[in-house]
Amino acid sequence: MRRVTPILARLRRAALVPLACLALAACGTVSPDDPNRAAANPDAGTKFLLGTSNPTPLQTSADDIKRSCPPIEILEGASAHRVIEPAGSTDAFDVRYQASIAETARECSTLGVEAAIRIGVQGRVVLGPKGAPGTYRVPLRIAVVDEGSRPVYSQLHLVDVTVPAGATMADFTKIDDAISIPIPANRFAGWRIVVGYDAQAPVAAKTTRRR
């Protein structure tokens, strides 16, 4: 019997949300100033998100979609996010905190001529020598790219993680269930789901500390 991981179980619980909320931005209007909106012009630090793609719609069965769901991978060099004070220091004692990615999961279902994709990422924030309990914001990017590595979907999630008093680390889970993509003629052959920390993304000063 296939083991159901905790993050996959969370994805399945998220499936109870009305399907209308699976369409991108269908659960509400996204302000142009919202930091969680999809990036329109990623920089060199996220070059894997450059370009556009317009796949040909194709209706297929639920079983076909489950079998052809794109694999998920962590972008090389983007599995961790470290914050150092002062910036640019190479001294390990100047690390405030570091975020890592521990586990990922995805599920695909059919919406007729579109596929709904739910992506889950589980990570951890660990305090460094200069860190203290508090709330820290980490820039997690989730993207879907086609067989030519062109982005079909890209979203920057600014995830707030609270390290409680007396602790030195905290886990977090982020589930992105707002993805709906027209089913391409190749049924996602060569497509990938890519996750990672976007070190070049502007991160608002959300960090708070508890002494």
C-alpha atoms as a PDB file:
ATOM      1  CA  MET A   1       0.000   0.000   0.000  1.00  0.00           C
ATOM      2  CA  ARG A   2       1.360   3.434  -0.954  1.00  0.00           C
ATOM      3  CA  ARG A   3       2.261   5.547   2.080  1.00  0.00           C
ATOM      4  CA  VAL A   4       0.365   8.809   2.389  1.00  0.00           C
ATOM      5  CA  THR A   5       2.746  11.495   3.621  1.00  0.00           C
ATOM      6  CA  PRO A   6       1.510  14.267   5.943  1.00  0.00           C
ATOM      7  CA  ILE A   7       1.885  16.917   3.247  1.00  0.00           C
ATOM      8  CA  LEU A   8       0.019  14.760   0.708  1.00  0.00           C
ATOM      9  CA  ALA A   9      -2.773  14.337   3.252  1.00  0.00           C
ATOM     10  CA  ARG A  10      -2.982  18.109   3.559  1.00  0.00           C
ATOM     11  CA  LEU A  11      -3.227  18.408  -0.207  1.00  0.00           C
ATOM     12  CA  ARG A  12      -6.137  15.991  -0.236  1.00  0.00           C
ATOM     13  CA  ARG A  13      -7.928  17.913   2.477  1.00  0.00           C
ATOM     14  CA  ALA A  14      -7.465  21.047   0.397  1.00  0.00           C
ATOM     15  CA  ALA A  15      -9.404  19.311  -2.379  1.00  0.00           C
ATOM     16  CA  LEU A  16     -12.570  19.945  -0.365  1.00  0.00           C
ATOM     17  CA  VAL A  17     -12.332  23.634  -1.289  1.00  0.00           C
ATOM     18  CA  PRO A  18     -14.842  24.495  -4.062  1.00  0.00           C
ATOM     19  CA  LEU A  19     -13.347  23.906  -7.481  1.00  0.00           C
ATOM     20  CA  ALA A  20     -14.079  27.489  -8.429  1.00  0.00           C
ATOM     21  CA  CYS A  21     -11.195  28.479  -6.174  1.00  0.00           C
ATOM     22  CA  LEU A  22      -8.780  26.361  -8.209  1.00  0.00           C
ATOM     23  CA  ALA A  23      -8.732  28.876 -11.070  1.00  0.00           C
ATOM     24  CA  LEU A  24      -5.917  31.394 -10.764  1.00  0.00           C
ATOM     25  CA  ALA A  25      -7.116  34.443  -8.771  1.00  0.00           C
ATOM     26  CA  ALA A  26     -10.690  33.124  -8.804  1.00  0.00           C
ATOM     27  CA  CYS A  27     -10.997  33.398  -5.026  1.00  0.00           C
ATOM     28  CA  GLY A  28     -10.677  37.181  -5.083  1.00  0.00           C
ATOM     29  CA  THR A  29      -9.213  40.136  -6.910  1.00  0.00           C
ATOM     30  CA  VAL A  30      -5.435  40.396  -6.611  1.00  0.00           C
ATOM     31  CA  SER A  31      -4.068  43.895  -6.252  1.00  0.00           C
ATOM     32  CA  PRO A  32      -1.110  44.853  -8.471  1.00  0.00           C
ATOM     33  CA  ASP A  33       0.721  45.699  -5.221  1.00  0.00           C
ATOM     34  CA  ASP A  34       0.054  42.314  -3.650  1.00  0.00           C
ATOM     35  CA  PRO A  35       3.479  40.623  -3.081  1.00  0.00           C
ATOM     36  CA  ASN A  36       1.829  37.223  -3.517  1.00  0.00           C
ATOM     37  CA  ARG A  37       0.690  37.864  -7.095  1.00  0.00           C
ATOM     38  CA  ALA A  38       2.423  36.008  -9.917  1.00  0.00           C
ATOM     39  CA  ALA A  39       5.652  37.676 -10.994  1.00  0.00           C
ATOM     40  CA  ALA A  40       5.434  39.302 -14.413  1.00  0.00           C
ATOM     41  CA  ASN A  41       9.123  40.071 -14.882  1.00  0.00           C
ATOM     42  CA  PRO A  42      11.344  37.630 -12.939  1.00  0.00           C
ATOM     43  CA  ASP A  43      14.987  38.657 -12.814  1.00  0.00           C
ATOM     44  CA  ALA A  44      18.144  36.687 -13.521  1.00  0.00           C
ATOM     45  CA  GLY A  45      17.872  34.966 -10.165  1.00  0.00           C
ATOM     46  CA  THR A  46      14.734  33.252 -11.429  1.00  0.00           C
ATOM     47  CA  LYS A  47      15.614  32.844 -15.102  1.00  0.00           C
ATOM     48  CA  PHE A  48      13.823  29.497 -15.242  1.00  0.00           C
ATOM     49  CA  LEU A  49      10.580  31.513 -15.201  1.00  0.00           C
ATOM     50  CA  LEU A  50      11.294  33.552 -18.347  1.00  0.00           C
ATOM     51  CA  GLY A  51       9.087  33.329 -21.408  1.00  0.00           C
ATOM     52  CA  THR A  52       5.464  32.351 -22.009  1.00  0.00           C
ATOM     53  CA  SER A  53       3.540  29.333 -23.171  1.00  0.00           C
ATOM     54  CA  ASN A  54       0.142  28.818 -24.825  1.00  0.00           C
ATOM     55  CA  PRO A  55      -0.628  25.089 -24.811  1.00  0.00           C
ATOM     56  CA  THR A  56      -3.420  23.739 -26.984  1.00  0.00           C
ATOM     57  CA  PRO A  57      -6.480  22.811 -24.852  1.00  0.00           C
ATOM     58  CA  LEU A  58      -7.299  19.101 -24.804  1.00  0.00           C
ATOM     59  CA  GLN A  59      -9.952  17.316 -22.793  1.00  0.00           C
ATOM     60  CA  THR A  60      -8.823  14.074 -21.162  1.00  0.00           C
ATOM     61  CA  SER A  61      -9.892  11.690 -18.399  1.00  0.00           C
ATOM     62  CA  ALA A  62      -9.228  12.043 -14.671  1.00  0.00           C
ATOM     63  CA  ASP A  63      -7.030   8.920 -14.682  1.00  0.00           C
ATOM     64  CA  ASP A  64      -4.939  10.280 -17.564  1.00  0.00           C
ATOM     65  CA  ILE A  65      -4.377  13.544 -15.701  1.00  0.00           C
ATOM     66  CA  LYS A  66      -3.316  11.746 -12.515  1.00  0.00           C
ATOM     67  CA  ARG A  67      -0.835   9.589 -14.428  1.00  0.00           C
ATOM     68  CA  SER A  68       0.623  12.482 -16.425  1.00  0.00           C
ATOM     69  CA  CYS A  69       0.849  14.972 -13.540  1.00  0.00           C
ATOM     70  CA  PRO A  70       4.202  16.782 -13.997  1.00  0.00           C
ATOM     71  CA  PRO A  71       6.969  15.718 -11.590  1.00  0.00           C
ATOM     72  CA  ILE A  72       7.974  18.165  -8.893  1.00  0.00           C
ATOM     73  CA  GLU A  73      11.581  19.190  -8.285  1.00  0.00           C
ATOM     74  CA  ILE A  74      13.531  21.668  -6.184  1.00  0.00           C
ATOM     75  CA  LEU A  75      15.485  24.162  -8.279  1.00  0.00           C
ATOM     76  CA  GLU A  76      19.219  23.577  -7.951  1.00  0.00           C
ATOM     77  CA  GLY A  77      20.757  26.130  -5.631  1.00  0.00           C
ATOM     78  CA  ALA A  78      17.370  27.301  -4.331  1.00  0.00           C
ATOM     79  CA  SER A  79      16.665  24.697  -1.627  1.00  0.00           C
ATOM     80  CA  ALA A  80      17.750  27.059   1.167  1.00  0.00           C
ATOM     81  CA  HIS A  81      17.360  30.735   2.039  1.00  0.00           C
ATOM     82  CA  ARG A  82      19.874  32.285   4.447  1.00  0.00           C
ATOM     83  CA  VAL A  83      19.743  35.750   5.979  1.00  0.00           C
ATOM     84  CA  ILE A  84      22.992  37.235   7.337  1.00  0.00           C
ATOM     85  CA  GLU A  85      23.740  40.458   9.246  1.00  0.00           C
ATOM     86  CA  PRO A  86      25.565  42.389   8.064  1.00  0.00           C
ATOM     87  CA  ALA A  87      24.697  41.495   4.470  1.00  0.00           C
ATOM     88  CA  GLY A  88      27.620  40.018   2.578  1.00  0.00           C
ATOM     89  CA  SER A  89      29.358  38.651   5.649  1.00  0.00           C
ATOM     90  CA  THR A  90      30.960  35.215   5.350  1.00  0.00           C
ATOM     91  CA  ASP A  91      31.139  34.684   9.110  1.00  0.00           C
ATOM     92  CA  ALA A  92      28.870  31.820  10.236  1.00  0.00           C
ATOM     93  CA  PHE A  93      28.229  33.692  13.490  1.00  0.00           C
ATOM     94  CA  ASP A  94      26.442  36.440  11.508  1.00  0.00           C
ATOM     95  CA  VAL A  95      23.613  34.149  10.348  1.00  0.00           C
ATOM     96  CA  ARG A  96      20.190  35.262  11.638  1.00  0.00           C
ATOM     97  CA  TYR A  97      18.171  32.368  10.232  1.00  0.00           C
ATOM     98  CA  GLN A  98      18.065  29.844   7.425  1.00  0.00           C
ATOM     99  CA  ALA A  99      15.030  28.314   5.716  1.00  0.00           C
ATOM    100  CA  SER A 100      15.131  24.944   3.971  1.00  0.00           C
ATOM    101  CA  ILE A 101      12.742  22.697   2.021  1.00  0.00           C
ATOM    102  CA  ALA A 102      12.076  19.291   3.556  1.00  0.00           C
ATOM    103  CA  GLU A 103       9.292  17.732   1.486  1.00  0.00           C
ATOM    104  CA  THR A 104       7.152  18.386  -1.596  1.00  0.00           C
ATOM    105  CA  ALA A 105       3.987  16.859  -3.040  1.00  0.00           C
ATOM    106  CA  ARG A 106       1.568  17.455  -5.914  1.00  0.00           C
ATOM    107  CA  GLU A 107      -1.797  16.245  -7.142  1.00  0.00           C
ATOM    108  CA  CYS A 108      -3.504  16.789 -10.491  1.00  0.00           C
ATOM    109  CA  SER A 109      -7.199  16.532 -11.343  1.00  0.00           C
ATOM    110  CA  THR A 110      -9.289  17.361 -14.395  1.00  0.00           C
ATOM    111  CA  LEU A 111     -11.569  20.364 -14.890  1.00  0.00           C
ATOM    112  CA  GLY A 112     -12.604  19.334 -18.414  1.00  0.00           C
ATOM    113  CA  VAL A 113     -10.221  21.024 -20.846  1.00  0.00           C
ATOM    114  CA  GLU A 114      -8.104  22.267 -17.935  1.00  0.00           C
ATOM    115  CA  ALA A 115      -6.080  20.543 -15.234  1.00  0.00           C
ATOM    116  CA  ALA A 116      -6.133  21.640 -11.596  1.00  0.00           C
ATOM    117  CA  ILE A 117      -2.768  21.255  -9.890  1.00  0.00           C
ATOM    118  CA  ARG A 118      -2.241  21.406  -6.128  1.00  0.00           C
ATOM    119  CA  ILE A 119       1.322  21.797  -4.899  1.00  0.00           C
ATOM    120  CA  GLY A 120       2.506  21.454  -1.311  1.00  0.00           C
ATOM    121  CA  VAL A 121       5.862  22.437   0.156  1.00  0.00           C
ATOM    122  CA  GLN A 122       6.994  21.688   3.688  1.00  0.00           C
ATOM    123  CA  GLY A 123       9.954  23.612   5.042  1.00  0.00           C
ATOM    124  CA  ARG A 124      11.770  24.654   8.188  1.00  0.00           C
ATOM    125  CA  VAL A 125      13.269  27.836   9.588  1.00  0.00           C
ATOM    126  CA  VAL A 126      16.282  27.439  11.877  1.00  0.00           C
ATOM    127  CA  LEU A 127      17.697  30.328  13.907  1.00  0.00           C
ATOM    128  CA  GLY A 128      21.363  31.216  13.593  1.00  0.00           C
ATOM    129  CA  PRO A 129      23.710  32.780  16.172  1.00  0.00           C
ATOM    130  CA  LYS A 130      22.195  36.228  15.538  1.00  0.00           C
ATOM    131  CA  GLY A 131      18.615  34.989  15.473  1.00  0.00           C
ATOM    132  CA  ALA A 132      15.936  35.171  18.130  1.00  0.00           C
ATOM    133  CA  PRO A 133      12.391  33.802  18.464  1.00  0.00           C
ATOM    134  CA  GLY A 134       9.930  35.748  16.332  1.00  0.00           C
ATOM    135  CA  THR A 135       8.237  35.798  12.932  1.00  0.00           C
ATOM    136  CA  TYR A 136      10.292  35.562   9.770  1.00  0.00           C
ATOM    137  CA  ARG A 137       9.223  35.929   6.138  1.00  0.00           C
ATOM    138  CA  VAL A 138      10.656  33.601   3.498  1.00  0.00           C
ATOM    139  CA  PRO A 139      10.283  34.008  -0.308  1.00  0.00           C
ATOM    140  CA  LEU A 140       9.050  30.710  -1.754  1.00  0.00           C
ATOM    141  CA  ARG A 141       8.444  30.514  -5.496  1.00  0.00           C
ATOM    142  CA  ILE A 142       6.279  27.839  -7.132  1.00  0.00           C
ATOM    143  CA  ALA A 143       6.215  27.469 -10.911  1.00  0.00           C
ATOM    144  CA  VAL A 144       5.007  25.138 -13.650  1.00  0.00           C
ATOM    145  CA  VAL A 145       7.138  25.008 -16.805  1.00  0.00           C
ATOM    146  CA  ASP A 146       6.451  23.263 -20.105  1.00  0.00           C
ATOM    147  CA  GLU A 147       8.670  20.908 -22.102  1.00  0.00           C
ATOM    148  CA  GLY A 148      10.712  23.891 -23.325  1.00  0.00           C
ATOM    149  CA  SER A 149      11.250  25.201 -19.748  1.00  0.00           C
ATOM    150  CA  ARG A 150       8.887  28.106 -20.506  1.00  0.00           C
ATOM    151  CA  PRO A 151       6.748  29.156 -17.516  1.00  0.00           C
ATOM    152  CA  VAL A 152       3.038  28.489 -17.685  1.00  0.00           C
ATOM    153  CA  TYR A 153       2.514  29.524 -14.061  1.00  0.00           C
ATOM    154  CA  SER A 154       4.713  31.381 -11.585  1.00  0.00           C
ATOM    155  CA  GLN A 155       3.834  32.561  -8.099  1.00  0.00           C
ATOM    156  CA  LEU A 156       5.931  34.112  -5.362  1.00  0.00           C
ATOM    157  CA  HIS A 157       4.636  33.229  -1.885  1.00  0.00           C
ATOM    158  CA  LEU A 158       5.897  35.308   1.041  1.00  0.00           C
ATOM    159  CA  VAL A 159       5.464  32.818   3.876  1.00  0.00           C
ATOM    160  CA  ASP A 160       5.512  34.039   7.483  1.00  0.00           C
ATOM    161  CA  VAL A 161       7.027  31.508   9.884  1.00  0.00           C
ATOM    162  CA  THR A 162       6.914  32.000  13.653  1.00  0.00           C
ATOM    163  CA  VAL A 163       9.636  30.559  15.877  1.00  0.00           C
ATOM    164  CA  PRO A 164       8.075  30.453  19.354  1.00  0.00           C
ATOM    165  CA  ALA A 165       9.783  31.622  22.534  1.00  0.00           C
ATOM    166  CA  GLY A 166      12.251  29.071  23.827  1.00  0.00           C
ATOM    167  CA  ALA A 167      12.588  27.372  20.415  1.00  0.00           C
ATOM    168  CA  THR A 168      15.321  27.566  17.801  1.00  0.00           C
ATOM    169  CA  MET A 169      13.340  26.323  14.785  1.00  0.00           C
ATOM    170  CA  ALA A 170       9.846  26.044  13.323  1.00  0.00           C
ATOM    171  CA  ASP A 171       8.271  24.056  10.480  1.00  0.00           C
ATOM    172  CA  PHE A 172       5.825  25.429   7.932  1.00  0.00           C
ATOM    173  CA  THR A 173       3.623  24.102   5.145  1.00  0.00           C
ATOM    174  CA  LYS A 174       2.530  26.054   2.067  1.00  0.00           C
ATOM    175  CA  ILE A 175      -0.144  24.677  -0.272  1.00  0.00           C
ATOM    176  CA  ASP A 176      -0.808  26.377  -3.591  1.00  0.00           C
ATOM    177  CA  ASP A 177      -4.187  25.203  -4.879  1.00  0.00           C
ATOM    178  CA  ALA A 178      -4.909  28.135  -7.205  1.00  0.00           C
ATOM    179  CA  ILE A 179      -3.460  26.587 -10.374  1.00  0.00           C
ATOM    180  CA  SER A 180      -5.543  25.681 -13.430  1.00  0.00           C
ATOM    181  CA  ILE A 181      -3.815  25.082 -16.770  1.00  0.00           C
ATOM    182  CA  PRO A 182      -5.224  24.174 -20.212  1.00  0.00           C
ATOM    183  CA  ILE A 183      -4.355  20.544 -20.945  1.00  0.00           C
ATOM    184  CA  PRO A 184      -1.729  20.504 -23.743  1.00  0.00           C
ATOM    185  CA  ALA A 185      -1.808  18.065 -26.658  1.00  0.00           C
ATOM    186  CA  ASN A 186       1.246  16.244 -25.268  1.00  0.00           C
ATOM    187  CA  ARG A 187      -0.560  15.680 -21.932  1.00  0.00           C
ATOM    188  CA  PHE A 188       2.231  17.353 -19.950  1.00  0.00           C
ATOM    189  CA  ALA A 189       5.062  15.233 -21.407  1.00  0.00           C
ATOM    190  CA  GLY A 190       8.317  16.910 -20.397  1.00  0.00           C
ATOM    191  CA  TRP A 191       6.593  19.399 -18.107  1.00  0.00           C
ATOM    192  CA  ARG A 192       7.893  20.070 -14.576  1.00  0.00           C
ATOM    193  CA  ILE A 193       6.760  21.669 -11.349  1.00  0.00           C
ATOM    194  CA  VAL A 194       9.611  23.703  -9.879  1.00  0.00           C
ATOM    195  CA  VAL A 195       9.883  25.059  -6.329  1.00  0.00           C
ATOM    196  CA  GLY A 196      12.611  26.968  -4.544  1.00  0.00           C
ATOM    197  CA  TYR A 197      13.484  30.067  -2.561  1.00  0.00           C
ATOM    198  CA  ASP A 198      13.764  33.207  -4.679  1.00  0.00           C
ATOM    199  CA  ALA A 199      16.776  35.015  -3.235  1.00  0.00           C
ATOM    200  CA  GLN A 200      16.259  37.969  -5.609  1.00  0.00           C
ATOM    201  CA  ALA A 201      12.636  38.595  -4.628  1.00  0.00           C
ATOM    202  CA  PRO A 202      11.924  41.747  -2.615  1.00  0.00           C
ATOM    203  CA  VAL A 203      10.874  40.700   0.884  1.00  0.00           C
ATOM    204  CA  ALA A 204       8.917  43.177   2.992  1.00  0.00           C
ATOM    205  CA  ALA A 205      10.268  43.857   6.476  1.00  0.00           C
ATOM    206  CA  LYS A 206       7.989  41.418   8.270  1.00  0.00           C
ATOM    207  CA  THR A 207      10.606  40.016  10.632  1.00  0.00           C
ATOM    208  CA  THR A 208       9.749  40.518  14.294  1.00  0.00           C
ATOM    209  CA  ARG A 209      11.795  39.334  17.230  1.00  0.00           C
ATOM    210  CA  ARG A 210      10.950  38.294  20.753  1.00  0.00           C
ATOM    211  CA  ARG A 211      13.535  38.899  23.413  1.00  0.00           C
END
